[in-house]
Amino acid sequence: MALQSLLVYSLVAGCFVYAAWTLMPQVARRSLANALLRLPLPDVWRAALQKSLSTSGGCHCSGCDQAQPKVGGMKTPAPQVLVFHPRKRP
């Protein structure tokens, strides 16, 4: 029973670390990665942390000021009409 509990604890801890890293803001993730790179870690972990330092924003476009201009000269998309249909009542 102790081995099963240890396995469950390690899985829950791993899921917590993954969820916290994924949902963490990018600024906090970069500062944490910089702090972890000062520790003696295996090369695989160091490579993953280096990769997280080199990535850009969430859309990987290096920021909105670096985005490519819209094709056709249209700056804003045309508005779309939303149609709400009432629910059928029995």
N, C-alpha and C. Protein backbone atom coordinates (compact mmCIF):
# COMPACT_ATOMS: atom_id res chain seq x y z
N MET A 1 0.82 -1.19 0.00
CA MET A 1 0.00 0.00 0.00
C MET A 1 0.86 1.26 0.00
N ALA A 2 2.02 1.22 0.63
CA ALA A 2 2.89 2.39 0.70
C ALA A 2 3.45 2.71 -0.68
N LEU A 3 3.77 1.68 -1.47
CA LEU A 3 4.29 1.90 -2.82
C LEU A 3 3.23 2.55 -3.70
N GLN A 4 1.99 2.11 -3.55
CA GLN A 4 0.89 2.69 -4.32
C GLN A 4 0.69 4.16 -3.95
N SER A 5 0.74 4.47 -2.67
CA SER A 5 0.59 5.86 -2.23
C SER A 5 1.74 6.72 -2.74
N LEU A 6 2.95 6.20 -2.72
CA LEU A 6 4.11 6.93 -3.22
C LEU A 6 3.97 7.21 -4.70
N LEU A 7 3.47 6.24 -5.45
CA LEU A 7 3.26 6.43 -6.88
C LEU A 7 2.20 7.50 -7.15
N VAL A 8 1.11 7.46 -6.39
CA VAL A 8 0.06 8.46 -6.56
C VAL A 8 0.57 9.84 -6.19
N TYR A 9 1.32 9.96 -5.10
CA TYR A 9 1.87 11.26 -4.70
C TYR A 9 2.80 11.82 -5.77
N SER A 10 3.63 10.97 -6.34
CA SER A 10 4.56 11.46 -7.36
C SER A 10 3.82 11.87 -8.63
N LEU A 11 2.78 11.14 -9.01
CA LEU A 11 1.99 11.54 -10.18
C LEU A 11 1.26 12.86 -9.96
N VAL A 12 0.69 13.03 -8.79
CA VAL A 12 -0.02 14.28 -8.48
C VAL A 12 0.97 15.45 -8.43
N ALA A 13 2.14 15.23 -7.86
CA ALA A 13 3.14 16.29 -7.81
C ALA A 13 3.62 16.65 -9.21
N GLY A 14 3.82 15.66 -10.06
CA GLY A 14 4.23 15.93 -11.44
C GLY A 14 3.16 16.69 -12.21
N CYS A 15 1.91 16.31 -12.03
CA CYS A 15 0.81 17.03 -12.69
C CYS A 15 0.69 18.46 -12.18
N PHE A 16 0.92 18.66 -10.89
CA PHE A 16 0.88 20.00 -10.33
C PHE A 16 1.98 20.88 -10.91
N VAL A 17 3.18 20.34 -11.01
CA VAL A 17 4.30 21.11 -11.57
C VAL A 17 4.02 21.45 -13.03
N TYR A 18 3.52 20.49 -13.79
CA TYR A 18 3.22 20.74 -15.21
C TYR A 18 2.14 21.81 -15.35
N ALA A 19 1.07 21.70 -14.58
CA ALA A 19 -0.02 22.68 -14.67
C ALA A 19 0.44 24.06 -14.23
N ALA A 20 1.23 24.12 -13.17
CA ALA A 20 1.72 25.42 -12.70
C ALA A 20 2.64 26.06 -13.73
N TRP A 21 3.52 25.27 -14.35
CA TRP A 21 4.44 25.79 -15.36
C TRP A 21 3.67 26.26 -16.60
N THR A 22 2.67 25.52 -17.01
CA THR A 22 1.90 25.86 -18.20
C THR A 22 1.05 27.10 -17.98
N LEU A 23 0.43 27.23 -16.82
CA LEU A 23 -0.47 28.34 -16.56
C LEU A 23 0.23 29.57 -16.00
N MET A 24 1.51 29.45 -15.69
CA MET A 24 2.27 30.56 -15.13
C MET A 24 2.47 31.65 -16.19
N PRO A 25 2.39 32.92 -15.80
CA PRO A 25 2.67 33.98 -16.77
C PRO A 25 4.09 33.87 -17.29
N GLN A 26 4.31 34.34 -18.50
CA GLN A 26 5.59 34.17 -19.16
C GLN A 26 6.73 34.87 -18.42
N VAL A 27 6.45 36.00 -17.81
CA VAL A 27 7.49 36.72 -17.07
C VAL A 27 7.95 35.89 -15.87
N ALA A 28 7.01 35.32 -15.15
CA ALA A 28 7.36 34.48 -14.00
C ALA A 28 8.06 33.21 -14.46
N ARG A 29 7.63 32.64 -15.59
CA ARG A 29 8.25 31.43 -16.11
C ARG A 29 9.70 31.69 -16.49
N ARG A 30 9.97 32.84 -17.11
CA ARG A 30 11.35 33.17 -17.49
C ARG A 30 12.23 33.40 -16.28
N SER A 31 11.72 34.09 -15.27
CA SER A 31 12.54 34.33 -14.08
C SER A 31 12.80 33.02 -13.32
N LEU A 32 11.82 32.14 -13.28
CA LEU A 32 12.02 30.84 -12.64
C LEU A 32 13.01 29.99 -13.44
N ALA A 33 12.94 30.04 -14.76
CA ALA A 33 13.88 29.29 -15.59
C ALA A 33 15.30 29.82 -15.40
N ASN A 34 15.45 31.14 -15.30
CA ASN A 34 16.78 31.70 -15.04
C ASN A 34 17.33 31.24 -13.70
N ALA A 35 16.47 31.20 -12.69
CA ALA A 35 16.91 30.75 -11.37
C ALA A 35 17.26 29.26 -11.39
N LEU A 36 16.49 28.46 -12.12
CA LEU A 36 16.77 27.02 -12.17
C LEU A 36 18.02 26.70 -12.98
N LEU A 37 18.36 27.55 -13.94
CA LEU A 37 19.56 27.30 -14.74
C LEU A 37 20.84 27.48 -13.93
N ARG A 38 20.76 28.14 -12.79
CA ARG A 38 21.93 28.30 -11.93
C ARG A 38 22.26 27.02 -11.16
N LEU A 39 21.29 26.10 -11.10
CA LEU A 39 21.48 24.84 -10.39
C LEU A 39 22.11 23.80 -11.31
N PRO A 40 22.81 22.82 -10.73
CA PRO A 40 23.37 21.75 -11.57
C PRO A 40 22.27 20.75 -11.96
N LEU A 41 21.73 20.91 -13.16
CA LEU A 41 20.64 20.06 -13.65
C LEU A 41 21.14 19.19 -14.79
N PRO A 42 20.43 18.10 -15.08
CA PRO A 42 20.78 17.28 -16.25
C PRO A 42 20.65 18.10 -17.54
N ASP A 43 21.39 17.67 -18.55
CA ASP A 43 21.41 18.40 -19.82
C ASP A 43 20.04 18.49 -20.49
N VAL A 44 19.22 17.46 -20.32
CA VAL A 44 17.89 17.47 -20.93
C VAL A 44 17.04 18.59 -20.32
N TRP A 45 17.09 18.73 -19.01
CA TRP A 45 16.32 19.78 -18.35
C TRP A 45 16.86 21.15 -18.71
N ARG A 46 18.19 21.27 -18.78
CA ARG A 46 18.79 22.55 -19.13
C ARG A 46 18.37 22.97 -20.54
N ALA A 47 18.31 22.01 -21.46
CA ALA A 47 17.90 22.33 -22.83
C ALA A 47 16.44 22.79 -22.86
N ALA A 48 15.58 22.15 -22.08
CA ALA A 48 14.17 22.55 -22.04
C ALA A 48 14.01 23.94 -21.43
N LEU A 49 14.80 24.24 -20.40
CA LEU A 49 14.73 25.57 -19.79
C LEU A 49 15.27 26.64 -20.73
N GLN A 50 16.33 26.32 -21.45
CA GLN A 50 16.87 27.27 -22.43
C GLN A 50 15.85 27.54 -23.52
N LYS A 51 15.14 26.51 -23.93
CA LYS A 51 14.10 26.67 -24.96
C LYS A 51 12.98 27.57 -24.45
N SER A 52 12.60 27.42 -23.19
CA SER A 52 11.54 28.26 -22.65
C SER A 52 11.99 29.71 -22.53
N LEU A 53 13.28 29.95 -22.39
CA LEU A 53 13.79 31.32 -22.33
C LEU A 53 13.79 31.97 -23.71
N SER A 54 13.97 31.17 -24.74
CA SER A 54 14.11 31.75 -26.08
C SER A 54 12.77 31.92 -26.80
N THR A 55 11.69 31.35 -26.30
CA THR A 55 10.41 31.47 -26.99
C THR A 55 9.82 32.85 -26.79
N SER A 56 9.03 33.27 -27.74
CA SER A 56 8.40 34.58 -27.68
C SER A 56 7.01 34.45 -27.06
N GLY A 57 6.12 35.38 -27.38
CA GLY A 57 4.78 35.40 -26.81
C GLY A 57 3.97 34.17 -27.15
N GLY A 58 2.72 34.17 -26.69
CA GLY A 58 1.85 33.02 -26.86
C GLY A 58 1.57 32.66 -28.30
N CYS A 59 1.58 33.65 -29.19
CA CYS A 59 1.28 33.34 -30.60
C CYS A 59 2.56 33.14 -31.41
N HIS A 60 3.71 33.23 -30.78
CA HIS A 60 5.02 33.03 -31.41
C HIS A 60 5.24 33.97 -32.59
N CYS A 61 4.78 35.21 -32.47
CA CYS A 61 4.96 36.16 -33.55
C CYS A 61 5.95 37.25 -33.15
N SER A 62 6.62 37.12 -32.02
CA SER A 62 7.58 38.09 -31.49
C SER A 62 6.92 39.42 -31.16
N GLY A 63 5.69 39.40 -30.78
CA GLY A 63 4.99 40.60 -30.38
C GLY A 63 4.11 41.16 -31.47
N CYS A 64 3.12 41.91 -31.08
CA CYS A 64 2.16 42.45 -32.05
C CYS A 64 2.80 43.50 -32.94
N ASP A 65 3.86 44.17 -32.46
CA ASP A 65 4.50 45.16 -33.30
C ASP A 65 5.32 44.52 -34.41
N GLN A 66 5.58 43.23 -34.33
CA GLN A 66 6.34 42.52 -35.35
C GLN A 66 5.45 41.75 -36.32
N ALA A 67 4.14 41.83 -36.15
CA ALA A 67 3.21 41.05 -36.98
C ALA A 67 3.24 41.56 -38.42
N GLN A 68 2.98 40.66 -39.34
CA GLN A 68 2.95 41.01 -40.75
C GLN A 68 1.70 41.83 -41.06
N PRO A 69 1.79 42.78 -41.99
CA PRO A 69 0.60 43.58 -42.33
C PRO A 69 -0.46 42.71 -42.99
N LYS A 70 -1.69 43.14 -42.86
CA LYS A 70 -2.81 42.41 -43.44
C LYS A 70 -2.76 42.48 -44.96
N VAL A 71 -3.14 41.42 -45.61
CA VAL A 71 -3.16 41.37 -47.07
C VAL A 71 -4.40 42.08 -47.58
N GLY A 72 -4.27 42.82 -48.64
CA GLY A 72 -5.41 43.50 -49.24
C GLY A 72 -5.67 44.88 -48.66
N GLY A 73 -4.84 45.34 -47.76
CA GLY A 73 -5.00 46.67 -47.23
C GLY A 73 -6.11 46.82 -46.20
N MET A 74 -6.84 45.77 -45.91
CA MET A 74 -7.93 45.84 -44.95
C MET A 74 -7.36 45.67 -43.55
N LYS A 75 -7.50 46.68 -42.70
CA LYS A 75 -6.88 46.64 -41.39
C LYS A 75 -7.73 45.91 -40.36
N THR A 76 -9.03 46.07 -40.44
CA THR A 76 -9.91 45.39 -39.49
C THR A 76 -10.86 44.48 -40.27
N PRO A 77 -11.16 43.32 -39.73
CA PRO A 77 -12.08 42.43 -40.43
C PRO A 77 -13.49 43.00 -40.43
N ALA A 78 -14.25 42.61 -41.43
CA ALA A 78 -15.63 43.07 -41.53
C ALA A 78 -16.44 42.48 -40.38
N PRO A 79 -17.36 43.27 -39.82
CA PRO A 79 -18.16 42.74 -38.72
C PRO A 79 -19.07 41.62 -39.19
N GLN A 80 -19.26 40.66 -38.32
CA GLN A 80 -20.14 39.54 -38.63
C GLN A 80 -21.37 39.62 -37.75
N VAL A 81 -22.51 39.31 -38.33
CA VAL A 81 -23.77 39.37 -37.61
C VAL A 81 -23.98 38.06 -36.85
N LEU A 82 -24.31 38.18 -35.57
CA LEU A 82 -24.64 37.01 -34.76
C LEU A 82 -26.15 36.85 -34.73
N VAL A 83 -26.60 35.66 -35.02
CA VAL A 83 -28.04 35.39 -35.01
C VAL A 83 -28.32 34.39 -33.90
N PHE A 84 -29.16 34.79 -32.96
CA PHE A 84 -29.53 33.92 -31.86
C PHE A 84 -30.93 33.35 -32.14
N HIS A 85 -31.04 32.06 -32.14
CA HIS A 85 -32.31 31.40 -32.40
C HIS A 85 -32.92 31.00 -31.07
N PRO A 86 -34.22 31.30 -30.88
CA PRO A 86 -34.83 30.91 -29.60
C PRO A 86 -34.93 29.40 -29.49
N ARG A 87 -34.88 28.95 -28.27
CA ARG A 87 -34.99 27.52 -28.02
C ARG A 87 -36.41 27.06 -28.21
N LYS A 88 -36.55 25.89 -28.78
CA LYS A 88 -37.90 25.33 -28.94
C LYS A 88 -38.37 24.78 -27.60
N ARG A 89 -39.57 25.19 -27.23
CA ARG A 89 -40.12 24.73 -25.96
C ARG A 89 -41.09 23.61 -26.21
N PRO A 90 -41.05 22.57 -25.40
CA PRO A 90 -41.96 21.43 -25.61
C PRO A 90 -43.38 21.71 -25.23
